[in-house]
């Protein structure tokens, strides 16, 4: 799964990396400990091309009677994303990219858990995501989920699942309304590169209240 990630790149870097057009409505600040329920920037396809918008992490399906769900929607499983009622329609029509500098995962060590920072040597990455718009009487909420798949051989010793990291060459295909379901499903595989770095960090990151550079400080394993 993916229950926490971080993003420290600035607005201009984000726009350049994803060829995004238009203005960004909220100023980006470094985030070192992004947790479910928080608003973060995602990339989606707009009328004028790719755009950076802010959405809440934890997808609320448009058909839900209320905005508070009794189940978690922060992650969607790659194997069933085109079948589950919550994700089926967004998979067809409202996919997104979730930019991240890296993510966190916890490894069981006896009765304890050791947090690890997981990143790419190349820097910024993008998770495959889905978004939907929920409309209530007095509010409108755009929200998203991160798609997860089996962990690759590097991450597997830490956890058996990981977010789907898309290669830059596949960004347009993932966002395009012209991509077929079969083409999209082929993209939902574990990261195949050998440039993943795993680094132990302190339990300071365990609390989502902590959101500063100390979260990504490497400690001895």
N, C-alpha and C. Protein backbone atom coordinates (compact mmCIF):
# COMPACT_ATOMS: atom_id res chain seq x y z
N UNK A 1 0.83 -1.19 0.00
CA UNK A 1 0.00 0.00 0.00
C UNK A 1 0.88 1.25 0.00
N UNK A 2 0.25 2.39 -0.05
CA UNK A 2 0.97 3.65 0.09
C UNK A 2 0.14 4.53 1.01
N UNK A 3 0.62 4.73 2.23
CA UNK A 3 -0.13 5.50 3.20
C UNK A 3 0.51 6.80 3.59
N UNK A 4 1.71 7.06 3.05
CA UNK A 4 2.38 8.33 3.35
C UNK A 4 3.41 8.59 2.27
N UNK A 5 3.53 9.83 1.81
CA UNK A 5 4.57 10.19 0.84
C UNK A 5 5.00 11.63 1.06
N UNK A 6 5.99 12.07 0.30
CA UNK A 6 6.44 13.45 0.45
C UNK A 6 6.72 14.07 -0.92
N UNK A 7 6.64 15.41 -0.97
CA UNK A 7 6.83 16.16 -2.21
C UNK A 7 7.46 17.50 -1.86
N UNK A 8 8.70 17.69 -2.30
CA UNK A 8 9.42 18.92 -1.92
C UNK A 8 9.75 19.81 -3.12
N UNK A 9 9.39 19.39 -4.34
CA UNK A 9 9.67 20.21 -5.53
C UNK A 9 8.77 21.45 -5.56
N UNK A 10 9.27 22.51 -6.21
CA UNK A 10 8.50 23.75 -6.28
C UNK A 10 7.54 23.73 -7.47
N UNK A 11 6.72 24.78 -7.57
CA UNK A 11 5.69 24.86 -8.60
C UNK A 11 6.27 24.79 -10.01
N UNK A 12 7.34 25.54 -10.26
CA UNK A 12 7.91 25.59 -11.59
C UNK A 12 8.46 24.23 -12.02
N UNK A 13 9.12 23.55 -11.11
CA UNK A 13 9.65 22.21 -11.42
C UNK A 13 8.52 21.25 -11.77
N UNK A 14 7.43 21.34 -11.02
CA UNK A 14 6.29 20.47 -11.27
C UNK A 14 5.70 20.74 -12.66
N UNK A 15 5.54 21.99 -13.00
CA UNK A 15 4.96 22.35 -14.29
C UNK A 15 5.87 21.89 -15.44
N UNK A 16 7.17 22.04 -15.26
CA UNK A 16 8.11 21.63 -16.31
C UNK A 16 8.14 20.12 -16.48
N UNK A 17 8.17 19.39 -15.36
CA UNK A 17 8.26 17.93 -15.42
C UNK A 17 7.04 17.30 -16.07
N UNK A 18 5.87 17.94 -15.89
CA UNK A 18 4.63 17.35 -16.39
C UNK A 18 4.02 18.15 -17.53
N UNK A 19 4.79 19.10 -18.05
CA UNK A 19 4.32 19.91 -19.18
C UNK A 19 2.93 20.48 -18.90
N UNK A 20 2.76 21.03 -17.70
CA UNK A 20 1.47 21.54 -17.28
C UNK A 20 1.28 22.98 -17.72
N UNK A 21 0.04 23.32 -18.04
CA UNK A 21 -0.30 24.65 -18.53
C UNK A 21 -1.12 25.41 -17.47
N UNK A 22 -1.16 26.74 -17.61
CA UNK A 22 -2.01 27.55 -16.74
C UNK A 22 -1.38 27.83 -15.39
N UNK A 23 -2.14 28.56 -14.56
CA UNK A 23 -1.68 28.95 -13.24
C UNK A 23 -2.03 27.87 -12.21
N UNK A 24 -1.21 27.79 -11.17
CA UNK A 24 -1.48 26.89 -10.06
C UNK A 24 -2.15 27.71 -8.97
N UNK A 25 -3.34 27.28 -8.55
CA UNK A 25 -4.17 28.10 -7.67
C UNK A 25 -3.62 28.26 -6.26
N UNK A 26 -2.85 27.29 -5.80
CA UNK A 26 -2.29 27.32 -4.44
C UNK A 26 -0.78 27.24 -4.53
N UNK A 27 -0.09 28.06 -3.75
CA UNK A 27 1.38 28.04 -3.78
C UNK A 27 1.89 26.74 -3.17
N UNK A 28 2.79 26.08 -3.89
CA UNK A 28 3.36 24.85 -3.38
C UNK A 28 4.41 25.14 -2.33
N UNK A 29 4.35 24.42 -1.23
CA UNK A 29 5.39 24.46 -0.21
C UNK A 29 5.89 23.04 -0.01
N UNK A 30 7.14 22.87 0.41
CA UNK A 30 7.65 21.51 0.63
C UNK A 30 6.80 20.77 1.65
N UNK A 31 6.43 19.54 1.33
CA UNK A 31 5.66 18.68 2.23
C UNK A 31 6.47 17.41 2.46
N UNK A 32 6.78 17.13 3.73
CA UNK A 32 7.65 16.01 4.06
C UNK A 32 6.91 14.80 4.62
N UNK A 33 5.61 14.96 4.84
CA UNK A 33 4.87 13.87 5.46
C UNK A 33 3.39 13.99 5.09
N UNK A 34 3.08 13.74 3.83
CA UNK A 34 1.71 13.86 3.34
C UNK A 34 0.90 12.65 3.79
N UNK A 35 -0.26 12.92 4.39
CA UNK A 35 -1.11 11.86 4.95
C UNK A 35 -2.49 11.88 4.29
N UNK A 36 -3.21 10.75 4.36
CA UNK A 36 -4.57 10.71 3.83
C UNK A 36 -5.45 11.81 4.40
N UNK A 37 -6.35 12.32 3.57
CA UNK A 37 -7.25 13.37 3.99
C UNK A 37 -6.74 14.77 3.71
N UNK A 38 -5.45 14.88 3.35
CA UNK A 38 -4.86 16.19 3.08
C UNK A 38 -4.95 16.53 1.60
N UNK A 39 -4.91 17.84 1.30
CA UNK A 39 -4.93 18.30 -0.08
C UNK A 39 -3.51 18.42 -0.61
N UNK A 40 -3.30 17.85 -1.80
CA UNK A 40 -1.98 17.89 -2.42
C UNK A 40 -2.15 18.08 -3.93
N UNK A 41 -1.09 18.50 -4.63
CA UNK A 41 -1.21 18.69 -6.08
C UNK A 41 -1.21 17.37 -6.84
N UNK A 42 -2.06 17.29 -7.83
CA UNK A 42 -2.05 16.17 -8.76
C UNK A 42 -2.07 16.75 -10.18
N UNK A 43 -1.79 15.91 -11.16
CA UNK A 43 -1.81 16.34 -12.56
C UNK A 43 -2.96 15.63 -13.25
N UNK A 44 -3.81 16.39 -13.92
CA UNK A 44 -4.90 15.80 -14.69
C UNK A 44 -4.97 16.47 -16.05
N UNK A 45 -5.75 15.89 -16.93
CA UNK A 45 -5.91 16.44 -18.27
C UNK A 45 -7.04 17.46 -18.24
N UNK A 46 -6.74 18.68 -18.72
CA UNK A 46 -7.74 19.73 -18.80
C UNK A 46 -8.00 20.12 -20.25
N UNK A 47 -8.84 21.10 -20.45
CA UNK A 47 -9.18 21.54 -21.81
C UNK A 47 -7.97 22.05 -22.56
N UNK A 48 -7.01 22.65 -21.84
CA UNK A 48 -5.82 23.21 -22.48
C UNK A 48 -4.58 22.34 -22.31
N UNK A 49 -4.76 21.10 -21.87
CA UNK A 49 -3.62 20.21 -21.67
C UNK A 49 -3.48 19.82 -20.20
N UNK A 50 -2.30 19.38 -19.83
CA UNK A 50 -2.07 18.97 -18.45
C UNK A 50 -2.18 20.17 -17.51
N UNK A 51 -2.80 19.95 -16.35
CA UNK A 51 -2.93 21.03 -15.37
C UNK A 51 -2.64 20.50 -13.98
N UNK A 52 -2.10 21.40 -13.14
CA UNK A 52 -1.83 21.08 -11.74
C UNK A 52 -3.00 21.59 -10.91
N UNK A 53 -3.66 20.70 -10.19
CA UNK A 53 -4.76 21.09 -9.31
C UNK A 53 -4.57 20.40 -7.96
N UNK A 54 -5.21 20.95 -6.94
CA UNK A 54 -5.12 20.36 -5.60
C UNK A 54 -6.36 19.53 -5.31
N UNK A 55 -6.14 18.33 -4.78
CA UNK A 55 -7.23 17.43 -4.42
C UNK A 55 -6.96 16.76 -3.09
N UNK A 56 -8.04 16.28 -2.50
CA UNK A 56 -7.93 15.57 -1.21
C UNK A 56 -7.59 14.11 -1.45
N UNK A 57 -6.67 13.58 -0.66
CA UNK A 57 -6.26 12.19 -0.78
C UNK A 57 -7.26 11.28 -0.07
N UNK A 58 -7.91 10.43 -0.86
CA UNK A 58 -8.94 9.52 -0.36
C UNK A 58 -10.19 9.73 -1.19
N UNK A 59 -10.34 8.95 -2.25
CA UNK A 59 -11.37 9.20 -3.25
C UNK A 59 -12.79 9.01 -2.70
N UNK A 60 -13.63 10.02 -2.96
CA UNK A 60 -15.05 9.94 -2.63
C UNK A 60 -15.80 9.74 -3.95
N UNK A 61 -16.43 8.59 -4.16
CA UNK A 61 -17.13 8.36 -5.44
C UNK A 61 -18.28 9.34 -5.62
N UNK A 62 -18.51 9.73 -6.86
CA UNK A 62 -19.53 10.73 -7.14
C UNK A 62 -20.93 10.29 -6.72
N UNK A 63 -21.15 8.98 -6.62
CA UNK A 63 -22.46 8.46 -6.28
C UNK A 63 -22.68 8.28 -4.78
N UNK A 64 -21.66 8.57 -3.98
CA UNK A 64 -21.80 8.40 -2.53
C UNK A 64 -22.84 9.38 -1.96
N UNK A 65 -23.61 8.94 -0.99
CA UNK A 65 -24.62 9.80 -0.38
C UNK A 65 -24.01 10.83 0.56
N UNK A 66 -22.81 10.53 1.05
CA UNK A 66 -22.14 11.47 1.96
C UNK A 66 -20.64 11.46 1.71
N UNK A 67 -19.97 12.49 2.21
CA UNK A 67 -18.54 12.64 1.95
C UNK A 67 -17.67 11.80 2.87
N UNK A 68 -18.22 11.33 3.98
CA UNK A 68 -17.46 10.50 4.90
C UNK A 68 -17.77 9.03 4.62
N UNK A 69 -16.73 8.30 4.23
CA UNK A 69 -16.90 6.88 3.90
C UNK A 69 -16.52 6.00 5.07
N UNK A 70 -17.08 4.79 5.10
CA UNK A 70 -16.77 3.84 6.17
C UNK A 70 -15.62 2.92 5.80
N UNK A 71 -15.02 3.14 4.64
CA UNK A 71 -13.92 2.30 4.19
C UNK A 71 -12.84 3.19 3.57
N UNK A 72 -11.62 2.67 3.49
CA UNK A 72 -10.50 3.46 2.98
C UNK A 72 -10.46 3.43 1.45
N UNK A 73 -10.22 4.58 0.86
CA UNK A 73 -10.06 4.67 -0.60
C UNK A 73 -8.78 5.41 -0.95
N UNK A 74 -7.79 5.35 -0.08
CA UNK A 74 -6.53 6.03 -0.39
C UNK A 74 -5.75 5.27 -1.45
N UNK A 75 -5.97 3.94 -1.51
CA UNK A 75 -5.30 3.09 -2.49
C UNK A 75 -6.31 2.25 -3.26
N UNK A 76 -6.04 2.05 -4.55
CA UNK A 76 -6.83 1.16 -5.39
C UNK A 76 -5.92 0.06 -5.91
N UNK A 77 -6.35 -1.17 -5.82
CA UNK A 77 -5.52 -2.29 -6.27
C UNK A 77 -5.51 -2.36 -7.80
N UNK A 78 -4.32 -2.48 -8.37
CA UNK A 78 -4.18 -2.53 -9.83
C UNK A 78 -4.95 -3.69 -10.44
N UNK A 79 -5.01 -4.80 -9.73
CA UNK A 79 -5.63 -6.00 -10.27
C UNK A 79 -7.14 -5.84 -10.47
N UNK A 80 -7.79 -5.00 -9.65
CA UNK A 80 -9.25 -4.91 -9.69
C UNK A 80 -9.77 -3.49 -9.92
N UNK A 81 -8.88 -2.58 -10.29
CA UNK A 81 -9.26 -1.17 -10.40
C UNK A 81 -10.34 -0.94 -11.46
N UNK A 82 -10.39 -1.79 -12.45
CA UNK A 82 -11.40 -1.65 -13.51
C UNK A 82 -12.69 -2.40 -13.20
N UNK A 83 -12.77 -3.02 -12.01
CA UNK A 83 -13.94 -3.82 -11.64
C UNK A 83 -14.68 -3.28 -10.42
N UNK A 84 -13.96 -2.74 -9.45
CA UNK A 84 -14.58 -2.25 -8.22
C UNK A 84 -15.47 -1.03 -8.51
N UNK A 85 -16.69 -1.01 -7.97
CA UNK A 85 -17.61 0.10 -8.23
C UNK A 85 -17.04 1.48 -7.90
N UNK A 86 -16.23 1.57 -6.84
CA UNK A 86 -15.66 2.86 -6.44
C UNK A 86 -14.73 3.41 -7.50
N UNK A 87 -13.99 2.53 -8.17
CA UNK A 87 -12.93 2.96 -9.08
C UNK A 87 -13.23 2.76 -10.56
N UNK A 88 -14.24 1.98 -10.86
CA UNK A 88 -14.50 1.57 -12.24
C UNK A 88 -14.71 2.77 -13.17
N UNK A 89 -15.55 3.71 -12.78
CA UNK A 89 -15.81 4.87 -13.63
C UNK A 89 -14.60 5.82 -13.69
N UNK A 90 -13.96 6.16 -12.56
CA UNK A 90 -12.75 6.99 -12.66
C UNK A 90 -11.66 6.37 -13.52
N UNK A 91 -11.54 5.02 -13.48
CA UNK A 91 -10.53 4.37 -14.31
C UNK A 91 -10.81 4.62 -15.79
N UNK A 92 -12.08 4.69 -16.15
CA UNK A 92 -12.45 4.91 -17.54
C UNK A 92 -12.27 6.37 -17.97
N UNK A 93 -12.58 7.31 -17.06
CA UNK A 93 -12.68 8.69 -17.54
C UNK A 93 -11.92 9.75 -16.76
N UNK A 94 -11.39 9.44 -15.58
CA UNK A 94 -10.73 10.51 -14.80
C UNK A 94 -9.49 9.99 -14.07
N UNK A 95 -8.45 9.77 -14.85
CA UNK A 95 -7.18 9.32 -14.31
C UNK A 95 -6.27 10.54 -14.05
N UNK A 96 -5.31 10.35 -13.18
CA UNK A 96 -4.40 11.45 -12.84
C UNK A 96 -3.02 10.92 -12.51
N UNK A 97 -2.08 11.83 -12.41
CA UNK A 97 -0.73 11.54 -11.96
C UNK A 97 -0.55 12.19 -10.59
N UNK A 98 0.05 11.46 -9.67
CA UNK A 98 0.29 11.98 -8.33
C UNK A 98 1.81 12.16 -8.16
N UNK A 99 2.30 13.41 -8.26
CA UNK A 99 3.75 13.62 -8.14
C UNK A 99 4.24 13.39 -6.72
N UNK A 100 5.43 12.81 -6.61
CA UNK A 100 6.01 12.55 -5.30
C UNK A 100 7.53 12.58 -5.40
N UNK A 101 8.16 13.07 -4.36
CA UNK A 101 9.62 12.99 -4.26
C UNK A 101 10.02 11.62 -3.73
N UNK A 102 9.10 10.97 -3.05
CA UNK A 102 9.33 9.64 -2.51
C UNK A 102 8.16 9.25 -1.63
N UNK A 103 8.19 8.03 -1.11
CA UNK A 103 7.14 7.58 -0.21
C UNK A 103 7.74 6.80 0.94
N UNK A 104 6.92 6.51 1.93
CA UNK A 104 7.38 5.80 3.12
C UNK A 104 6.70 4.45 3.23
N UNK A 105 7.42 3.50 3.79
CA UNK A 105 6.83 2.20 4.11
C UNK A 105 7.48 1.70 5.39
N UNK A 106 6.75 0.84 6.10
CA UNK A 106 7.21 0.35 7.39
C UNK A 106 7.50 -1.14 7.32
N UNK A 107 8.69 -1.54 7.79
CA UNK A 107 9.09 -2.94 7.80
C UNK A 107 8.93 -3.51 9.21
N UNK A 108 8.29 -4.68 9.30
CA UNK A 108 8.15 -5.33 10.60
C UNK A 108 9.50 -5.89 11.04
N UNK A 109 9.92 -5.50 12.22
CA UNK A 109 11.16 -6.01 12.81
C UNK A 109 10.80 -6.52 14.20
N UNK A 110 10.49 -7.81 14.30
CA UNK A 110 9.99 -8.35 15.55
C UNK A 110 8.63 -7.76 15.87
N UNK A 111 8.52 -7.18 17.06
CA UNK A 111 7.26 -6.54 17.46
C UNK A 111 7.24 -5.07 17.07
N UNK A 112 8.31 -4.62 16.44
CA UNK A 112 8.45 -3.20 16.11
C UNK A 112 8.31 -2.99 14.60
N UNK A 113 8.25 -1.73 14.19
CA UNK A 113 8.20 -1.38 12.77
C UNK A 113 9.21 -0.27 12.48
N UNK A 114 10.05 -0.50 11.47
CA UNK A 114 11.07 0.47 11.07
C UNK A 114 10.61 1.20 9.82
N UNK A 115 10.46 2.54 9.89
CA UNK A 115 10.07 3.28 8.68
C UNK A 115 11.22 3.42 7.70
N UNK A 116 10.90 3.31 6.42
CA UNK A 116 11.86 3.49 5.35
C UNK A 116 11.37 4.56 4.38
N UNK A 117 12.29 5.36 3.91
CA UNK A 117 12.04 6.30 2.82
C UNK A 117 12.40 5.59 1.52
N UNK A 118 11.53 5.67 0.52
CA UNK A 118 11.76 5.01 -0.76
C UNK A 118 11.67 6.05 -1.86
N UNK A 119 12.72 6.19 -2.64
CA UNK A 119 12.77 7.22 -3.68
C UNK A 119 13.50 6.70 -4.91
N UNK A 120 13.46 7.49 -5.99
CA UNK A 120 14.22 7.18 -7.19
C UNK A 120 15.47 8.04 -7.24
N UNK A 121 16.56 7.48 -7.71
CA UNK A 121 17.79 8.26 -7.85
C UNK A 121 17.60 9.45 -8.78
N UNK A 122 16.69 9.31 -9.74
CA UNK A 122 16.46 10.37 -10.73
C UNK A 122 15.62 11.52 -10.17
N UNK A 123 15.07 11.35 -8.98
CA UNK A 123 14.31 12.43 -8.37
C UNK A 123 12.81 12.23 -8.44
N UNK A 124 12.09 13.23 -8.94
CA UNK A 124 10.63 13.25 -8.93
C UNK A 124 10.03 12.02 -9.62
N UNK A 125 9.00 11.46 -9.02
CA UNK A 125 8.28 10.31 -9.61
C UNK A 125 6.81 10.67 -9.71
N UNK A 126 6.05 9.83 -10.42
CA UNK A 126 4.60 10.05 -10.55
C UNK A 126 3.88 8.73 -10.35
N UNK A 127 2.95 8.71 -9.40
CA UNK A 127 2.12 7.53 -9.18
C UNK A 127 0.91 7.57 -10.12
N UNK A 128 0.46 6.41 -10.54
CA UNK A 128 -0.80 6.32 -11.28
C UNK A 128 -1.94 6.55 -10.30
N UNK A 129 -2.84 7.47 -10.66
CA UNK A 129 -3.95 7.78 -9.75
C UNK A 129 -5.27 7.90 -10.47
N UNK A 130 -6.34 7.96 -9.68
CA UNK A 130 -7.69 8.15 -10.17
C UNK A 130 -8.32 9.27 -9.36
N UNK A 131 -9.21 10.04 -9.98
CA UNK A 131 -9.89 11.07 -9.22
C UNK A 131 -11.38 11.09 -9.55
N UNK A 132 -12.14 11.69 -8.66
CA UNK A 132 -13.58 11.81 -8.87
C UNK A 132 -14.06 13.09 -8.18
N UNK A 133 -15.22 13.56 -8.58
CA UNK A 133 -15.81 14.77 -7.99
C UNK A 133 -17.12 14.41 -7.30
N UNK A 134 -17.18 14.73 -6.02
CA UNK A 134 -18.37 14.51 -5.22
C UNK A 134 -19.05 15.84 -4.96
N UNK A 135 -20.34 15.89 -5.15
CA UNK A 135 -21.09 17.12 -4.95
C UNK A 135 -22.17 16.92 -3.90
N UNK A 136 -22.07 17.72 -2.83
CA UNK A 136 -23.09 17.69 -1.79
C UNK A 136 -23.97 18.93 -1.88
N UNK A 137 -24.78 19.15 -0.86
CA UNK A 137 -25.68 20.30 -0.87
C UNK A 137 -24.92 21.62 -0.90
N UNK A 138 -23.89 21.70 -0.07
CA UNK A 138 -23.17 22.97 0.08
C UNK A 138 -21.68 22.86 -0.20
N UNK A 139 -21.25 21.76 -0.77
CA UNK A 139 -19.82 21.62 -1.04
C UNK A 139 -19.56 20.73 -2.25
N UNK A 140 -18.37 20.89 -2.79
CA UNK A 140 -17.92 20.09 -3.93
C UNK A 140 -16.49 19.66 -3.61
N UNK A 141 -16.21 18.37 -3.68
CA UNK A 141 -14.90 17.85 -3.31
C UNK A 141 -14.31 17.03 -4.45
N UNK A 142 -13.12 17.42 -4.90
CA UNK A 142 -12.34 16.61 -5.82
C UNK A 142 -11.35 15.80 -4.99
N UNK A 143 -11.30 14.50 -5.22
CA UNK A 143 -10.44 13.64 -4.41
C UNK A 143 -9.83 12.55 -5.28
N UNK A 144 -8.79 11.89 -4.76
CA UNK A 144 -8.06 10.92 -5.57
C UNK A 144 -7.61 9.71 -4.76
N UNK A 145 -7.27 8.65 -5.50
CA UNK A 145 -6.66 7.44 -4.94
C UNK A 145 -5.36 7.16 -5.69
N UNK A 146 -4.45 6.51 -5.02
CA UNK A 146 -3.20 6.06 -5.62
C UNK A 146 -3.32 4.56 -5.92
N UNK A 147 -2.98 4.16 -7.12
CA UNK A 147 -3.06 2.75 -7.50
C UNK A 147 -1.81 2.01 -7.02
N UNK A 148 -2.02 0.85 -6.42
CA UNK A 148 -0.90 0.05 -5.91
C UNK A 148 -0.88 -1.32 -6.58
N UNK A 149 0.33 -1.88 -6.68
CA UNK A 149 0.54 -3.20 -7.28
C UNK A 149 1.48 -4.01 -6.39
N UNK A 150 1.83 -5.21 -6.83
CA UNK A 150 2.82 -5.99 -6.09
C UNK A 150 4.13 -5.22 -6.02
N UNK A 151 4.85 -5.38 -4.93
CA UNK A 151 6.15 -4.74 -4.80
C UNK A 151 7.15 -5.38 -5.74
N UNK A 152 8.10 -4.60 -6.22
CA UNK A 152 9.19 -5.19 -7.01
C UNK A 152 10.22 -5.82 -6.06
N UNK A 153 11.26 -6.41 -6.62
CA UNK A 153 12.20 -7.17 -5.81
C UNK A 153 12.97 -6.30 -4.81
N UNK A 154 13.09 -5.00 -5.10
CA UNK A 154 13.82 -4.10 -4.20
C UNK A 154 12.99 -3.75 -2.98
N UNK A 155 11.71 -3.49 -3.20
CA UNK A 155 10.82 -3.07 -2.11
C UNK A 155 10.26 -4.25 -1.33
N UNK A 156 10.19 -5.43 -1.93
CA UNK A 156 9.56 -6.60 -1.33
C UNK A 156 10.06 -6.93 0.08
N UNK A 157 11.35 -6.80 0.39
CA UNK A 157 11.78 -7.09 1.77
C UNK A 157 11.16 -6.14 2.80
N UNK A 158 10.66 -4.99 2.35
CA UNK A 158 10.05 -4.03 3.25
C UNK A 158 8.54 -4.25 3.33
N UNK A 159 7.90 -4.39 2.16
CA UNK A 159 6.44 -4.53 2.10
C UNK A 159 6.07 -5.24 0.80
N UNK A 160 4.92 -5.92 0.79
CA UNK A 160 4.55 -6.70 -0.40
C UNK A 160 3.78 -5.90 -1.45
N UNK A 161 3.47 -4.61 -1.16
CA UNK A 161 2.77 -3.76 -2.13
C UNK A 161 3.52 -2.44 -2.25
N UNK A 162 3.32 -1.77 -3.39
CA UNK A 162 3.92 -0.46 -3.59
C UNK A 162 3.09 0.32 -4.60
N UNK A 163 3.17 1.66 -4.59
CA UNK A 163 2.43 2.43 -5.59
C UNK A 163 2.95 2.16 -7.00
N UNK A 164 2.06 2.24 -7.97
CA UNK A 164 2.45 2.10 -9.37
C UNK A 164 3.16 3.39 -9.79
N UNK A 165 4.45 3.29 -10.08
CA UNK A 165 5.23 4.43 -10.55
C UNK A 165 5.27 4.36 -12.07
N UNK A 166 4.78 5.40 -12.72
CA UNK A 166 4.74 5.41 -14.18
C UNK A 166 6.01 5.98 -14.77
N UNK A 167 6.48 5.37 -15.84
CA UNK A 167 7.60 5.93 -16.59
C UNK A 167 7.15 7.21 -17.27
N UNK A 168 8.05 8.16 -17.38
CA UNK A 168 7.70 9.46 -17.97
C UNK A 168 7.12 9.31 -19.39
N UNK A 169 7.59 8.31 -20.12
CA UNK A 169 7.10 8.09 -21.48
C UNK A 169 5.64 7.67 -21.53
N UNK A 170 5.09 7.29 -20.37
CA UNK A 170 3.70 6.82 -20.32
C UNK A 170 2.73 7.83 -19.69
N UNK A 171 3.23 9.01 -19.34
CA UNK A 171 2.35 10.00 -18.71
C UNK A 171 1.17 10.35 -19.61
N UNK A 172 1.47 10.66 -20.86
CA UNK A 172 0.40 11.07 -21.78
C UNK A 172 -0.61 9.96 -22.01
N UNK A 173 -0.13 8.74 -22.14
CA UNK A 173 -1.03 7.60 -22.36
C UNK A 173 -1.96 7.41 -21.17
N UNK A 174 -1.43 7.56 -19.96
CA UNK A 174 -2.24 7.37 -18.77
C UNK A 174 -3.34 8.43 -18.66
N UNK A 175 -3.03 9.66 -19.05
CA UNK A 175 -4.00 10.74 -18.94
C UNK A 175 -4.95 10.83 -20.13
N UNK A 176 -4.56 10.26 -21.26
CA UNK A 176 -5.34 10.43 -22.48
C UNK A 176 -6.69 9.71 -22.44
N UNK A 177 -7.72 10.38 -22.93
CA UNK A 177 -9.05 9.77 -23.02
C UNK A 177 -9.13 8.76 -24.16
N UNK A 178 -8.11 8.71 -25.00
CA UNK A 178 -8.11 7.81 -26.14
C UNK A 178 -7.48 6.45 -25.84
N UNK A 179 -6.85 6.32 -24.67
CA UNK A 179 -6.22 5.04 -24.32
C UNK A 179 -7.29 4.00 -23.99
N UNK A 180 -7.09 2.78 -24.47
CA UNK A 180 -8.04 1.71 -24.21
C UNK A 180 -7.81 1.11 -22.83
N UNK A 181 -8.83 0.46 -22.26
CA UNK A 181 -8.65 -0.20 -20.96
C UNK A 181 -7.49 -1.19 -20.94
N UNK A 182 -7.32 -1.93 -22.03
CA UNK A 182 -6.22 -2.90 -22.08
C UNK A 182 -4.87 -2.19 -22.05
N UNK A 183 -4.76 -1.08 -22.78
CA UNK A 183 -3.51 -0.32 -22.78
C UNK A 183 -3.21 0.23 -21.39
N UNK A 184 -4.23 0.69 -20.72
CA UNK A 184 -4.06 1.26 -19.39
C UNK A 184 -3.64 0.19 -18.38
N UNK A 185 -4.28 -0.96 -18.45
CA UNK A 185 -3.95 -2.04 -17.51
C UNK A 185 -2.51 -2.50 -17.66
N UNK A 186 -1.99 -2.43 -18.87
CA UNK A 186 -0.61 -2.84 -19.11
C UNK A 186 0.40 -1.93 -18.40
N UNK A 187 -0.03 -0.73 -18.06
CA UNK A 187 0.86 0.22 -17.38
C UNK A 187 0.92 -0.02 -15.87
N UNK A 188 -0.04 -0.80 -15.36
CA UNK A 188 -0.16 -0.96 -13.91
C UNK A 188 0.66 -2.13 -13.41
N UNK A 189 1.96 -1.98 -13.48
CA UNK A 189 2.90 -3.03 -13.09
C UNK A 189 3.94 -2.45 -12.12
N UNK A 190 4.62 -3.31 -11.36
CA UNK A 190 5.66 -2.83 -10.46
C UNK A 190 6.76 -2.10 -11.23
N UNK A 191 7.37 -1.13 -10.60
CA UNK A 191 8.46 -0.38 -11.21
C UNK A 191 9.58 -1.32 -11.60
N UNK A 192 10.02 -1.24 -12.87
CA UNK A 192 11.02 -2.18 -13.36
C UNK A 192 12.44 -1.68 -13.32
N UNK A 193 12.63 -0.41 -12.96
CA UNK A 193 13.98 0.14 -12.93
C UNK A 193 14.78 -0.31 -11.72
N UNK A 194 16.10 -0.18 -11.82
CA UNK A 194 16.97 -0.57 -10.71
C UNK A 194 17.48 0.66 -9.95
N UNK A 195 16.75 1.77 -10.09
CA UNK A 195 17.20 3.03 -9.49
C UNK A 195 16.42 3.40 -8.23
N UNK A 196 15.78 2.42 -7.60
CA UNK A 196 15.07 2.69 -6.35
C UNK A 196 16.05 2.65 -5.18
N UNK A 197 15.92 3.63 -4.30
CA UNK A 197 16.77 3.72 -3.11
C UNK A 197 15.89 3.57 -1.87
N UNK A 198 16.27 2.68 -0.96
CA UNK A 198 15.58 2.49 0.31
C UNK A 198 16.50 2.96 1.43
N UNK A 199 15.99 3.85 2.28
CA UNK A 199 16.79 4.39 3.37
C UNK A 199 15.99 4.42 4.66
N UNK A 200 16.53 3.87 5.75
CA UNK A 200 15.80 3.93 7.02
C UNK A 200 15.75 5.36 7.56
N UNK A 201 14.60 5.73 8.09
CA UNK A 201 14.44 7.04 8.71
C UNK A 201 13.88 6.83 10.12
N UNK A 202 13.84 7.88 10.91
CA UNK A 202 13.42 7.75 12.30
C UNK A 202 11.90 7.65 12.43
N UNK A 203 11.45 7.23 13.60
CA UNK A 203 10.02 7.10 13.86
C UNK A 203 9.34 8.47 13.99
N UNK A 204 10.11 9.49 13.84
CA UNK A 204 9.55 10.86 13.82
C UNK A 204 8.48 10.97 12.75
N UNK A 205 8.67 10.24 11.64
CA UNK A 205 7.73 10.30 10.52
C UNK A 205 6.41 9.58 10.84
N UNK A 206 6.38 8.78 11.89
CA UNK A 206 5.17 8.04 12.22
C UNK A 206 3.97 8.95 12.46
N UNK A 207 4.21 10.11 13.03
CA UNK A 207 3.12 11.04 13.31
C UNK A 207 2.92 12.00 12.15
N UNK A 208 1.71 12.06 11.57
CA UNK A 208 1.46 12.99 10.48
C UNK A 208 1.53 14.45 10.91
N UNK A 209 1.56 14.69 12.22
CA UNK A 209 1.72 16.06 12.71
C UNK A 209 3.13 16.59 12.42
N UNK A 210 4.06 15.67 12.25
CA UNK A 210 5.44 16.07 11.94
C UNK A 210 5.59 16.19 10.44
N UNK A 211 5.90 17.38 9.98
CA UNK A 211 5.99 17.64 8.52
C UNK A 211 7.11 18.64 8.26
N UNK A 212 8.34 18.17 8.39
CA UNK A 212 9.50 19.01 8.22
C UNK A 212 10.68 18.14 7.76
N UNK A 213 11.83 18.75 7.41
CA UNK A 213 12.95 17.97 6.87
C UNK A 213 13.45 16.82 7.73
N UNK A 214 13.15 16.85 9.02
CA UNK A 214 13.61 15.77 9.89
C UNK A 214 12.99 14.43 9.47
N UNK A 215 11.83 14.48 8.79
CA UNK A 215 11.15 13.24 8.37
C UNK A 215 12.01 12.43 7.39
N UNK A 216 12.81 13.11 6.58
CA UNK A 216 13.58 12.40 5.55
C UNK A 216 15.05 12.23 5.93
N UNK A 217 15.39 12.54 7.17
CA UNK A 217 16.77 12.35 7.63
C UNK A 217 17.05 10.85 7.78
N UNK A 218 18.11 10.39 7.13
CA UNK A 218 18.46 8.98 7.16
C UNK A 218 19.13 8.63 8.48
N UNK A 219 18.76 7.48 9.04
CA UNK A 219 19.36 6.99 10.27
C UNK A 219 20.08 5.67 10.00
N UNK A 220 20.83 5.18 10.93
CA UNK A 220 21.50 3.90 10.74
C UNK A 220 20.48 2.79 10.80
N UNK A 221 20.60 1.80 9.91
CA UNK A 221 19.62 0.73 9.82
C UNK A 221 19.64 -0.20 11.02
